[in-house]
């Protein structure tokens, strides 16, 4: 993967487009018992999960770079998760 490819943001009209789709979280919520899910609720969950994931991956990438590696390892993600209290 090219440097920074994972963390590039797509901008359109000054609004960041989401990588994770609201529909995916609508399916998750329904799978775990929700009979109906508003688009706003599914969208909020998608945005929250995406923000936390990007934060975690950014931290893990920093650990890999500190170790002078181009590859993010599972241990980098575990350490980032622990240090971010996620």
N, C-alpha and C. Protein backbone atom coordinates (compact mmCIF):
# COMPACT_ATOMS: atom_id res chain seq x y z
N UNK A 1 0.84 -1.18 0.00
CA UNK A 1 0.00 0.00 0.00
C UNK A 1 0.88 1.24 0.00
N UNK A 2 0.52 2.21 -0.76
CA UNK A 2 1.28 3.44 -0.82
C UNK A 2 1.17 4.20 0.50
N UNK A 3 2.19 4.96 0.81
CA UNK A 3 2.22 5.73 2.05
C UNK A 3 1.02 6.66 2.14
N UNK A 4 0.30 6.59 3.24
CA UNK A 4 -0.82 7.49 3.48
C UNK A 4 -2.11 7.08 2.78
N UNK A 5 -2.08 6.02 1.97
CA UNK A 5 -3.26 5.62 1.21
C UNK A 5 -4.44 5.30 2.11
N UNK A 6 -4.17 4.66 3.23
CA UNK A 6 -5.24 4.28 4.14
C UNK A 6 -5.89 5.49 4.79
N UNK A 7 -5.12 6.56 4.94
CA UNK A 7 -5.60 7.70 5.70
C UNK A 7 -6.01 8.88 4.84
N UNK A 8 -6.05 8.67 3.53
CA UNK A 8 -6.49 9.77 2.67
C UNK A 8 -7.98 9.99 2.89
N UNK A 9 -8.35 11.21 2.94
CA UNK A 9 -9.76 11.54 3.08
C UNK A 9 -10.28 12.04 1.74
N UNK A 10 -11.50 11.70 1.47
CA UNK A 10 -12.14 12.14 0.25
C UNK A 10 -13.00 13.36 0.61
N UNK A 11 -12.74 14.45 -0.05
CA UNK A 11 -13.47 15.68 0.26
C UNK A 11 -14.34 16.08 -0.92
N UNK A 12 -15.54 16.48 -0.63
CA UNK A 12 -16.45 16.99 -1.65
C UNK A 12 -17.30 18.05 -0.97
N UNK A 13 -17.29 19.24 -1.51
CA UNK A 13 -18.06 20.34 -0.93
C UNK A 13 -17.74 20.55 0.54
N UNK A 14 -16.45 20.37 0.91
CA UNK A 14 -15.95 20.57 2.27
C UNK A 14 -16.50 19.56 3.27
N UNK A 15 -17.18 18.52 2.81
CA UNK A 15 -17.69 17.48 3.71
C UNK A 15 -16.95 16.18 3.41
N UNK A 16 -16.48 15.53 4.45
CA UNK A 16 -15.77 14.27 4.26
C UNK A 16 -16.78 13.18 3.97
N UNK A 17 -16.54 12.44 2.89
CA UNK A 17 -17.40 11.31 2.57
C UNK A 17 -16.97 10.13 3.43
N UNK A 18 -17.92 9.38 3.88
CA UNK A 18 -17.63 8.27 4.77
C UNK A 18 -17.12 7.06 3.98
N UNK A 19 -16.20 6.36 4.56
CA UNK A 19 -15.69 5.12 3.99
C UNK A 19 -16.67 3.99 4.32
N UNK A 20 -17.12 3.95 5.57
CA UNK A 20 -18.07 2.94 6.00
C UNK A 20 -19.48 3.41 5.66
N UNK A 21 -20.30 2.50 5.21
CA UNK A 21 -21.65 2.85 4.76
C UNK A 21 -22.66 2.73 5.88
N UNK A 22 -23.59 3.67 5.90
CA UNK A 22 -24.67 3.67 6.89
C UNK A 22 -25.47 2.37 6.81
N UNK A 23 -25.69 1.88 5.61
CA UNK A 23 -26.50 0.68 5.42
C UNK A 23 -25.90 -0.54 6.14
N UNK A 24 -24.58 -0.59 6.22
CA UNK A 24 -23.92 -1.68 6.92
C UNK A 24 -24.32 -1.70 8.39
N UNK A 25 -24.38 -0.53 8.99
CA UNK A 25 -24.70 -0.44 10.41
C UNK A 25 -26.19 -0.63 10.64
N UNK A 26 -26.99 -0.29 9.66
CA UNK A 26 -28.42 -0.58 9.71
C UNK A 26 -28.60 -2.10 9.81
N UNK A 27 -27.85 -2.85 9.01
CA UNK A 27 -27.91 -4.32 9.03
C UNK A 27 -27.41 -4.86 10.37
N UNK A 28 -26.33 -4.30 10.89
CA UNK A 28 -25.81 -4.74 12.20
C UNK A 28 -26.87 -4.55 13.28
N UNK A 29 -27.45 -3.38 13.33
CA UNK A 29 -28.44 -3.09 14.37
C UNK A 29 -29.64 -4.04 14.27
N UNK A 30 -30.08 -4.29 13.05
CA UNK A 30 -31.21 -5.21 12.85
C UNK A 30 -30.82 -6.64 13.22
N UNK A 31 -29.60 -7.04 12.89
CA UNK A 31 -29.15 -8.39 13.22
C UNK A 31 -29.14 -8.62 14.73
N UNK A 32 -28.86 -7.57 15.47
CA UNK A 32 -28.80 -7.69 16.92
C UNK A 32 -30.10 -7.27 17.61
N UNK A 33 -31.20 -7.31 16.86
CA UNK A 33 -32.51 -7.20 17.49
C UNK A 33 -33.32 -5.95 17.24
N UNK A 34 -32.76 -4.93 16.63
CA UNK A 34 -33.56 -3.73 16.37
C UNK A 34 -34.57 -4.03 15.26
N UNK A 35 -35.83 -3.74 15.51
CA UNK A 35 -36.85 -4.00 14.49
C UNK A 35 -36.82 -2.94 13.40
N UNK A 36 -36.59 -1.72 13.81
CA UNK A 36 -36.49 -0.62 12.85
C UNK A 36 -35.33 0.27 13.28
N UNK A 37 -34.65 0.84 12.29
CA UNK A 37 -33.51 1.71 12.56
C UNK A 37 -33.65 2.96 11.70
N UNK A 38 -33.60 4.12 12.34
CA UNK A 38 -33.67 5.35 11.56
C UNK A 38 -32.36 5.55 10.80
N UNK A 39 -32.43 6.18 9.64
CA UNK A 39 -31.20 6.47 8.90
C UNK A 39 -30.22 7.30 9.73
N UNK A 40 -30.75 8.20 10.57
CA UNK A 40 -29.89 9.04 11.41
C UNK A 40 -29.13 8.20 12.43
N UNK A 41 -29.82 7.21 13.03
CA UNK A 41 -29.17 6.35 14.03
C UNK A 41 -28.07 5.51 13.39
N UNK A 42 -28.37 4.90 12.26
CA UNK A 42 -27.37 4.08 11.57
C UNK A 42 -26.20 4.95 11.09
N UNK A 43 -26.51 6.14 10.61
CA UNK A 43 -25.47 7.06 10.16
C UNK A 43 -24.59 7.53 11.29
N UNK A 44 -25.19 7.82 12.44
CA UNK A 44 -24.42 8.24 13.61
C UNK A 44 -23.48 7.14 14.06
N UNK A 45 -23.99 5.90 14.11
CA UNK A 45 -23.15 4.76 14.51
C UNK A 45 -22.01 4.57 13.51
N UNK A 46 -22.30 4.65 12.23
CA UNK A 46 -21.26 4.50 11.21
C UNK A 46 -20.18 5.56 11.36
N UNK A 47 -20.60 6.80 11.58
CA UNK A 47 -19.63 7.89 11.74
C UNK A 47 -18.78 7.68 12.99
N UNK A 48 -19.41 7.28 14.09
CA UNK A 48 -18.69 7.04 15.34
C UNK A 48 -17.66 5.93 15.18
N UNK A 49 -18.08 4.81 14.62
CA UNK A 49 -17.17 3.67 14.43
C UNK A 49 -16.03 4.04 13.50
N UNK A 50 -16.34 4.77 12.44
CA UNK A 50 -15.29 5.18 11.51
C UNK A 50 -14.28 6.11 12.17
N UNK A 51 -14.76 7.06 12.96
CA UNK A 51 -13.84 7.98 13.65
C UNK A 51 -12.92 7.23 14.60
N UNK A 52 -13.48 6.29 15.38
CA UNK A 52 -12.67 5.52 16.32
C UNK A 52 -11.69 4.62 15.57
N UNK A 53 -12.12 4.03 14.47
CA UNK A 53 -11.25 3.16 13.68
C UNK A 53 -10.09 3.95 13.08
N UNK A 54 -10.37 5.10 12.52
CA UNK A 54 -9.31 5.92 11.93
C UNK A 54 -8.33 6.40 13.00
N UNK A 55 -8.84 6.74 14.17
CA UNK A 55 -7.97 7.13 15.29
C UNK A 55 -7.05 5.97 15.67
N UNK A 56 -7.62 4.77 15.80
CA UNK A 56 -6.85 3.59 16.14
C UNK A 56 -5.79 3.29 15.08
N UNK A 57 -6.17 3.36 13.81
CA UNK A 57 -5.23 3.05 12.73
C UNK A 57 -4.13 4.09 12.61
N UNK A 58 -4.47 5.34 12.85
CA UNK A 58 -3.46 6.39 12.82
C UNK A 58 -2.42 6.16 13.91
N UNK A 59 -2.88 5.80 15.10
CA UNK A 59 -1.97 5.51 16.22
C UNK A 59 -1.12 4.28 15.92
N UNK A 60 -1.74 3.24 15.39
CA UNK A 60 -1.00 2.01 15.05
C UNK A 60 0.04 2.29 13.97
N UNK A 61 -0.30 3.12 13.01
CA UNK A 61 0.65 3.48 11.96
C UNK A 61 1.84 4.22 12.56
N UNK A 62 1.60 5.06 13.54
CA UNK A 62 2.68 5.79 14.20
C UNK A 62 3.63 4.82 14.91
N UNK A 63 3.08 3.76 15.53
CA UNK A 63 3.93 2.76 16.18
C UNK A 63 4.78 2.03 15.16
N UNK A 64 4.21 1.68 14.02
CA UNK A 64 4.97 1.00 12.97
C UNK A 64 6.08 1.91 12.46
N UNK A 65 5.77 3.18 12.25
CA UNK A 65 6.78 4.12 11.76
C UNK A 65 7.89 4.31 12.80
N UNK A 66 7.52 4.35 14.06
CA UNK A 66 8.52 4.49 15.13
C UNK A 66 9.49 3.30 15.12
N UNK A 67 8.96 2.13 14.78
CA UNK A 67 9.78 0.93 14.70
C UNK A 67 10.47 0.80 13.34
N UNK A 68 10.35 1.85 12.54
CA UNK A 68 10.97 1.91 11.21
C UNK A 68 10.47 0.79 10.30
N UNK A 69 9.15 0.55 10.39
CA UNK A 69 8.50 -0.43 9.52
C UNK A 69 7.46 0.25 8.66
N UNK A 70 7.23 -0.30 7.49
CA UNK A 70 6.15 0.17 6.61
C UNK A 70 4.88 -0.63 6.85
N UNK A 71 5.01 -1.75 7.52
CA UNK A 71 3.89 -2.65 7.74
C UNK A 71 3.32 -2.44 9.15
N UNK A 72 2.02 -2.24 9.23
CA UNK A 72 1.35 -2.17 10.53
C UNK A 72 1.04 -3.59 10.95
N UNK A 73 1.53 -3.97 12.12
CA UNK A 73 1.33 -5.32 12.64
C UNK A 73 0.17 -5.37 13.61
N UNK A 74 -0.31 -6.57 13.85
CA UNK A 74 -1.38 -6.75 14.83
C UNK A 74 -0.97 -6.19 16.19
N UNK A 75 0.28 -6.37 16.57
CA UNK A 75 0.76 -5.84 17.85
C UNK A 75 0.69 -4.31 17.89
N UNK A 76 0.90 -3.65 16.75
CA UNK A 76 0.77 -2.19 16.70
C UNK A 76 -0.67 -1.78 17.01
N UNK A 77 -1.61 -2.53 16.43
CA UNK A 77 -3.03 -2.22 16.66
C UNK A 77 -3.41 -2.50 18.10
N UNK A 78 -2.93 -3.61 18.64
CA UNK A 78 -3.21 -3.94 20.05
C UNK A 78 -2.67 -2.86 20.98
N UNK A 79 -1.43 -2.44 20.74
CA UNK A 79 -0.82 -1.41 21.57
C UNK A 79 -1.58 -0.09 21.45
N UNK A 80 -1.95 0.27 20.23
CA UNK A 80 -2.71 1.50 20.02
C UNK A 80 -4.05 1.43 20.74
N UNK A 81 -4.72 0.29 20.63
CA UNK A 81 -6.02 0.11 21.30
C UNK A 81 -5.87 0.27 22.80
N UNK A 82 -4.83 -0.35 23.35
CA UNK A 82 -4.59 -0.27 24.80
C UNK A 82 -4.30 1.18 25.22
N UNK A 83 -3.46 1.85 24.47
CA UNK A 83 -3.07 3.22 24.83
C UNK A 83 -4.20 4.23 24.61
N UNK A 84 -5.12 3.93 23.71
CA UNK A 84 -6.26 4.82 23.48
C UNK A 84 -7.47 4.44 24.32
N UNK A 85 -7.34 3.37 25.11
CA UNK A 85 -8.45 2.87 25.95
C UNK A 85 -9.69 2.54 25.11
N UNK A 86 -9.47 1.86 24.01
CA UNK A 86 -10.60 1.45 23.16
C UNK A 86 -10.92 -0.02 23.37
